[in-house]
Amino acid sequence: MKCCICGKEVGRYGNNPDGALDENGKAIVWGEYDRCCDDCNRKYVVPGRIALLTDRTVEAEKVPGK
């Protein structure tokens, strides 16, 4: 299975990509079966979720091209 963010293999299960932010700081709507790799989860998803909870979207890294 390929990462919906970077295209690399996600491994055995992958991660839920909900929380990754687009270039405008808005949460990206992913498909039900989309998965992301551990690297993108650490780089985009977790910081994006924290930013959405704390309203600090400026500090979270945005997914390029989304």
PDB file of N, CA and C in Angstrom:
ATOM      1  N   MET A   1       0.848  -1.169   0.000  1.00  0.00           N
ATOM      2  CA  MET A   1       0.000   0.000   0.000  1.00  0.00           C
ATOM      3  C   MET A   1       0.901   1.241   0.000  1.00  0.00           C
ATOM      4  N   LYS A   2       0.521   2.253  -0.731  1.00  0.00           N
ATOM      5  CA  LYS A   2       1.309   3.481  -0.868  1.00  0.00           C
ATOM      6  C   LYS A   2       0.780   4.578   0.053  1.00  0.00           C
ATOM      7  N   CYS A   3       1.696   5.400   0.546  1.00  0.00           N
ATOM      8  CA  CYS A   3       1.353   6.548   1.381  1.00  0.00           C
ATOM      9  C   CYS A   3       0.576   7.561   0.537  1.00  0.00           C
ATOM     10  N   CYS A   4      -0.539   8.048   1.055  1.00  0.00           N
ATOM     11  CA  CYS A   4      -1.358   9.008   0.316  1.00  0.00           C
ATOM     12  C   CYS A   4      -0.726  10.402   0.293  1.00  0.00           C
ATOM     13  N   ILE A   5       0.340  10.610   1.063  1.00  0.00           N
ATOM     14  CA  ILE A   5       1.001  11.913   1.099  1.00  0.00           C
ATOM     15  C   ILE A   5       2.254  11.915   0.233  1.00  0.00           C
ATOM     16  N   CYS A   6       3.157  10.950   0.442  1.00  0.00           N
ATOM     17  CA  CYS A   6       4.440  10.973  -0.266  1.00  0.00           C
ATOM     18  C   CYS A   6       4.587   9.870  -1.311  1.00  0.00           C
ATOM     19  N   GLY A   7       3.755   8.843  -1.249  1.00  0.00           N
ATOM     20  CA  GLY A   7       3.814   7.767  -2.236  1.00  0.00           C
ATOM     21  C   GLY A   7       4.705   6.595  -1.870  1.00  0.00           C
ATOM     22  N   LYS A   8       5.410   6.658  -0.714  1.00  0.00           N
ATOM     23  CA  LYS A   8       6.242   5.526  -0.286  1.00  0.00           C
ATOM     24  C   LYS A   8       5.354   4.407   0.255  1.00  0.00           C
ATOM     25  N   GLU A   9       5.951   3.221   0.414  1.00  0.00           N
ATOM     26  CA  GLU A   9       5.232   2.110   1.032  1.00  0.00           C
ATOM     27  C   GLU A   9       4.913   2.461   2.486  1.00  0.00           C
ATOM     28  N   VAL A  10       3.712   2.101   2.949  1.00  0.00           N
ATOM     29  CA  VAL A  10       3.320   2.420   4.320  1.00  0.00           C
ATOM     30  C   VAL A  10       3.695   1.335   5.309  1.00  0.00           C
ATOM     31  N   GLY A  11       4.142   0.206   4.829  1.00  0.00           N
ATOM     32  CA  GLY A  11       4.457  -0.893   5.736  1.00  0.00           C
ATOM     33  C   GLY A  11       3.230  -1.765   5.923  1.00  0.00           C
ATOM     34  N   ARG A  12       3.165  -2.419   7.040  1.00  0.00           N
ATOM     35  CA  ARG A  12       2.107  -3.402   7.263  1.00  0.00           C
ATOM     36  C   ARG A  12       0.722  -2.777   7.391  1.00  0.00           C
ATOM     37  N   TYR A  13       0.581  -1.736   8.201  1.00  0.00           N
ATOM     38  CA  TYR A  13      -0.737  -1.145   8.439  1.00  0.00           C
ATOM     39  C   TYR A  13      -0.842   0.310   8.010  1.00  0.00           C
ATOM     40  N   GLY A  14       0.206   1.082   8.150  1.00  0.00           N
ATOM     41  CA  GLY A  14       0.137   2.497   7.857  1.00  0.00           C
ATOM     42  C   GLY A  14      -0.578   3.252   8.975  1.00  0.00           C
ATOM     43  N   ASN A  15      -0.826   4.519   8.746  1.00  0.00           N
ATOM     44  CA  ASN A  15      -1.448   5.391   9.744  1.00  0.00           C
ATOM     45  C   ASN A  15      -2.612   6.142   9.133  1.00  0.00           C
ATOM     46  N   ASN A  16      -3.539   6.550   9.970  1.00  0.00           N
ATOM     47  CA  ASN A  16      -4.658   7.373   9.538  1.00  0.00           C
ATOM     48  C   ASN A  16      -4.127   8.776   9.242  1.00  0.00           C
ATOM     49  N   PRO A  17      -4.308   9.316   8.025  1.00  0.00           N
ATOM     50  CA  PRO A  17      -3.750  10.618   7.678  1.00  0.00           C
ATOM     51  C   PRO A  17      -4.598  11.813   8.121  1.00  0.00           C
ATOM     52  N   ASP A  18      -5.735  11.574   8.747  1.00  0.00           N
ATOM     53  CA  ASP A  18      -6.592  12.687   9.172  1.00  0.00           C
ATOM     54  C   ASP A  18      -5.844  13.605  10.128  1.00  0.00           C
ATOM     55  N   GLY A  19      -5.847  14.881   9.797  1.00  0.00           N
ATOM     56  CA  GLY A  19      -5.150  15.871  10.609  1.00  0.00           C
ATOM     57  C   GLY A  19      -4.066  16.592   9.841  1.00  0.00           C
ATOM     58  N   ALA A  20      -3.605  16.001   8.735  1.00  0.00           N
ATOM     59  CA  ALA A  20      -2.611  16.681   7.907  1.00  0.00           C
ATOM     60  C   ALA A  20      -3.248  17.940   7.328  1.00  0.00           C
ATOM     61  N   LEU A  21      -2.471  19.019   7.243  1.00  0.00           N
ATOM     62  CA  LEU A  21      -2.996  20.310   6.808  1.00  0.00           C
ATOM     63  C   LEU A  21      -2.579  20.642   5.383  1.00  0.00           C
ATOM     64  N   ASP A  22      -3.467  21.313   4.657  1.00  0.00           N
ATOM     65  CA  ASP A  22      -3.129  21.771   3.311  1.00  0.00           C
ATOM     66  C   ASP A  22      -2.347  23.084   3.407  1.00  0.00           C
ATOM     67  N   GLU A  23      -2.031  23.685   2.271  1.00  0.00           N
ATOM     68  CA  GLU A  23      -1.214  24.900   2.242  1.00  0.00           C
ATOM     69  C   GLU A  23      -1.885  26.095   2.916  1.00  0.00           C
ATOM     70  N   ASN A  24      -3.219  26.036   3.095  1.00  0.00           N
ATOM     71  CA  ASN A  24      -3.957  27.116   3.747  1.00  0.00           C
ATOM     72  C   ASN A  24      -4.180  26.864   5.232  1.00  0.00           C
ATOM     73  N   GLY A  25      -3.631  25.759   5.743  1.00  0.00           N
ATOM     74  CA  GLY A  25      -3.797  25.438   7.155  1.00  0.00           C
ATOM     75  C   GLY A  25      -5.102  24.754   7.491  1.00  0.00           C
ATOM     76  N   LYS A  26      -5.794  24.251   6.485  1.00  0.00           N
ATOM     77  CA  LYS A  26      -7.055  23.540   6.695  1.00  0.00           C
ATOM     78  C   LYS A  26      -6.800  22.038   6.645  1.00  0.00           C
ATOM     79  N   ALA A  27      -7.562  21.273   7.422  1.00  0.00           N
ATOM     80  CA  ALA A  27      -7.418  19.822   7.430  1.00  0.00           C
ATOM     81  C   ALA A  27      -7.807  19.247   6.072  1.00  0.00           C
ATOM     82  N   ILE A  28      -6.992  18.341   5.556  1.00  0.00           N
ATOM     83  CA  ILE A  28      -7.255  17.684   4.282  1.00  0.00           C
ATOM     84  C   ILE A  28      -8.252  16.559   4.501  1.00  0.00           C
ATOM     85  N   VAL A  29      -9.215  16.447   3.608  1.00  0.00           N
ATOM     86  CA  VAL A  29     -10.189  15.360   3.686  1.00  0.00           C
ATOM     87  C   VAL A  29      -9.644  14.187   2.872  1.00  0.00           C
ATOM     88  N   TRP A  30      -9.397  13.086   3.544  1.00  0.00           N
ATOM     89  CA  TRP A  30      -8.842  11.897   2.904  1.00  0.00           C
ATOM     90  C   TRP A  30      -9.944  10.889   2.682  1.00  0.00           C
ATOM     91  N   GLY A  31      -9.679   9.908   1.836  1.00  0.00           N
ATOM     92  CA  GLY A  31     -10.621   8.825   1.599  1.00  0.00           C
ATOM     93  C   GLY A  31     -10.620   7.851   2.765  1.00  0.00           C
ATOM     94  N   GLU A  32     -11.649   7.056   2.823  1.00  0.00           N
ATOM     95  CA  GLU A  32     -11.824   6.105   3.923  1.00  0.00           C
ATOM     96  C   GLU A  32     -10.657   5.118   4.038  1.00  0.00           C
ATOM     97  N   TYR A  33     -10.059   4.745   2.915  1.00  0.00           N
ATOM     98  CA  TYR A  33      -9.005   3.737   2.924  1.00  0.00           C
ATOM     99  C   TYR A  33      -7.606   4.307   2.743  1.00  0.00           C
ATOM    100  N   ASP A  34      -7.457   5.630   2.738  1.00  0.00           N
ATOM    101  CA  ASP A  34      -6.134   6.238   2.610  1.00  0.00           C
ATOM    102  C   ASP A  34      -5.310   5.985   3.863  1.00  0.00           C
ATOM    103  N   ARG A  35      -4.019   5.711   3.677  1.00  0.00           N
ATOM    104  CA  ARG A  35      -3.086   5.473   4.779  1.00  0.00           C
ATOM    105  C   ARG A  35      -1.825   6.269   4.504  1.00  0.00           C
ATOM    106  N   CYS A  36      -1.105   6.638   5.554  1.00  0.00           N
ATOM    107  CA  CYS A  36       0.163   7.335   5.366  1.00  0.00           C
ATOM    108  C   CYS A  36       1.279   6.576   6.080  1.00  0.00           C
ATOM    109  N   CYS A  37       2.517   6.844   5.652  1.00  0.00           N
ATOM    110  CA  CYS A  37       3.682   6.172   6.234  1.00  0.00           C
ATOM    111  C   CYS A  37       4.027   6.798   7.588  1.00  0.00           C
ATOM    112  N   ASP A  38       4.907   6.147   8.326  1.00  0.00           N
ATOM    113  CA  ASP A  38       5.313   6.641   9.638  1.00  0.00           C
ATOM    114  C   ASP A  38       5.991   8.009   9.549  1.00  0.00           C
ATOM    115  N   ASP A  39       6.805   8.222   8.496  1.00  0.00           N
ATOM    116  CA  ASP A  39       7.491   9.507   8.348  1.00  0.00           C
ATOM    117  C   ASP A  39       6.493  10.645   8.166  1.00  0.00           C
ATOM    118  N   CYS A  40       5.512  10.479   7.290  1.00  0.00           N
ATOM    119  CA  CYS A  40       4.514  11.533   7.065  1.00  0.00           C
ATOM    120  C   CYS A  40       3.608  11.698   8.283  1.00  0.00           C
ATOM    121  N   ASN A  41       3.359  10.612   8.983  1.00  0.00           N
ATOM    122  CA  ASN A  41       2.573  10.713  10.209  1.00  0.00           C
ATOM    123  C   ASN A  41       3.279  11.624  11.210  1.00  0.00           C
ATOM    124  N   ARG A  42       4.605  11.417  11.372  1.00  0.00           N
ATOM    125  CA  ARG A  42       5.381  12.255  12.306  1.00  0.00           C
ATOM    126  C   ARG A  42       5.539  13.685  11.811  1.00  0.00           C
ATOM    127  N   LYS A  43       5.725  13.848  10.507  1.00  0.00           N
ATOM    128  CA  LYS A  43       6.034  15.165   9.945  1.00  0.00           C
ATOM    129  C   LYS A  43       4.795  16.040   9.741  1.00  0.00           C
ATOM    130  N   TYR A  44       3.673  15.441   9.313  1.00  0.00           N
ATOM    131  CA  TYR A  44       2.496  16.224   8.956  1.00  0.00           C
ATOM    132  C   TYR A  44       1.258  15.970   9.825  1.00  0.00           C
ATOM    133  N   VAL A  45       0.963  14.700  10.091  1.00  0.00           N
ATOM    134  CA  VAL A  45      -0.311  14.363  10.722  1.00  0.00           C
ATOM    135  C   VAL A  45      -0.344  14.741  12.202  1.00  0.00           C
ATOM    136  N   VAL A  46       0.611  14.263  12.977  1.00  0.00           N
ATOM    137  CA  VAL A  46       0.598  14.553  14.415  1.00  0.00           C
ATOM    138  C   VAL A  46       0.701  16.062  14.682  1.00  0.00           C
ATOM    139  N   PRO A  47       1.647  16.783  14.061  1.00  0.00           N
ATOM    140  CA  PRO A  47       1.691  18.236  14.281  1.00  0.00           C
ATOM    141  C   PRO A  47       0.412  18.934  13.802  1.00  0.00           C
ATOM    142  N   GLY A  48      -0.176  18.435  12.716  1.00  0.00           N
ATOM    143  CA  GLY A  48      -1.423  19.016  12.223  1.00  0.00           C
ATOM    144  C   GLY A  48      -2.559  18.827  13.203  1.00  0.00           C
ATOM    145  N   ARG A  49      -2.650  17.652  13.803  1.00  0.00           N
ATOM    146  CA  ARG A  49      -3.701  17.402  14.794  1.00  0.00           C
ATOM    147  C   ARG A  49      -3.520  18.307  16.009  1.00  0.00           C
ATOM    148  N   ILE A  50      -2.288  18.452  16.454  1.00  0.00           N
ATOM    149  CA  ILE A  50      -2.016  19.341  17.597  1.00  0.00           C
ATOM    150  C   ILE A  50      -2.369  20.782  17.241  1.00  0.00           C
ATOM    151  N   ALA A  51      -1.992  21.202  16.032  1.00  0.00           N
ATOM    152  CA  ALA A  51      -2.297  22.562  15.588  1.00  0.00           C
ATOM    153  C   ALA A  51      -3.800  22.802  15.542  1.00  0.00           C
ATOM    154  N   LEU A  52      -4.556  21.817  15.050  1.00  0.00           N
ATOM    155  CA  LEU A  52      -6.002  21.969  14.978  1.00  0.00           C
ATOM    156  C   LEU A  52      -6.626  22.052  16.377  1.00  0.00           C
ATOM    157  N   LEU A  53      -6.072  21.309  17.316  1.00  0.00           N
ATOM    158  CA  LEU A  53      -6.597  21.344  18.685  1.00  0.00           C
ATOM    159  C   LEU A  53      -6.246  22.633  19.413  1.00  0.00           C
ATOM    160  N   THR A  54      -5.081  23.175  19.105  1.00  0.00           N
ATOM    161  CA  THR A  54      -4.616  24.362  19.833  1.00  0.00           C
ATOM    162  C   THR A  54      -4.718  25.637  19.012  1.00  0.00           C
ATOM    163  N   ASP A  55      -5.233  25.542  17.768  1.00  0.00           N
ATOM    164  CA  ASP A  55      -5.369  26.684  16.869  1.00  0.00           C
ATOM    165  C   ASP A  55      -4.025  27.339  16.573  1.00  0.00           C
ATOM    166  N   ARG A  56      -3.000  26.504  16.392  1.00  0.00           N
ATOM    167  CA  ARG A  56      -1.660  26.985  16.052  1.00  0.00           C
ATOM    168  C   ARG A  56      -1.243  26.455  14.686  1.00  0.00           C
ATOM    169  N   THR A  57      -2.054  26.720  13.671  1.00  0.00           N
ATOM    170  CA  THR A  57      -1.796  26.168  12.344  1.00  0.00           C
ATOM    171  C   THR A  57      -0.520  26.708  11.727  1.00  0.00           C
ATOM    172  N   VAL A  58      -0.042  27.842  12.178  1.00  0.00           N
ATOM    173  CA  VAL A  58       1.182  28.416  11.620  1.00  0.00           C
ATOM    174  C   VAL A  58       2.385  27.549  11.956  1.00  0.00           C
ATOM    175  N   GLU A  59       2.363  26.883  13.105  1.00  0.00           N
ATOM    176  CA  GLU A  59       3.497  26.087  13.553  1.00  0.00           C
ATOM    177  C   GLU A  59       3.559  24.703  12.919  1.00  0.00           C
ATOM    178  N   ALA A  60       2.456  24.201  12.380  1.00  0.00           N
ATOM    179  CA  ALA A  60       2.441  22.866  11.791  1.00  0.00           C
ATOM    180  C   ALA A  60       2.901  22.939  10.342  1.00  0.00           C
ATOM    181  N   GLU A  61       3.679  21.951   9.933  1.00  0.00           N
ATOM    182  CA  GLU A  61       4.155  21.898   8.553  1.00  0.00           C
ATOM    183  C   GLU A  61       3.013  21.470   7.639  1.00  0.00           C
ATOM    184  N   LYS A  62       2.892  22.133   6.516  1.00  0.00           N
ATOM    185  CA  LYS A  62       1.812  21.864   5.562  1.00  0.00           C
ATOM    186  C   LYS A  62       2.247  20.808   4.554  1.00  0.00           C
ATOM    187  N   VAL A  63       1.310  20.001   4.095  1.00  0.00           N
ATOM    188  CA  VAL A  63       1.587  18.991   3.072  1.00  0.00           C
ATOM    189  C   VAL A  63       1.752  19.725   1.744  1.00  0.00           C
ATOM    190  N   PRO A  64       2.899  19.608   1.102  1.00  0.00           N
ATOM    191  CA  PRO A  64       3.123  20.331  -0.152  1.00  0.00           C
ATOM    192  C   PRO A  64       2.198  19.842  -1.259  1.00  0.00           C
ATOM    193  N   GLY A  65       1.644  20.778  -1.996  1.00  0.00           N
ATOM    194  CA  GLY A  65       0.816  20.442  -3.142  1.00  0.00           C
ATOM    195  C   GLY A  65      -0.576  19.965  -2.825  1.00  0.00           C
ATOM    196  N   LYS A  66      -1.011  20.068  -1.590  1.00  0.00           N
ATOM    197  CA  LYS A  66      -2.371  19.625  -1.232  1.00  0.00           C
ATOM    198  C   LYS A  66      -3.217  20.824  -0.888  1.00  0.00           C
TER     199      LYS A  66
END
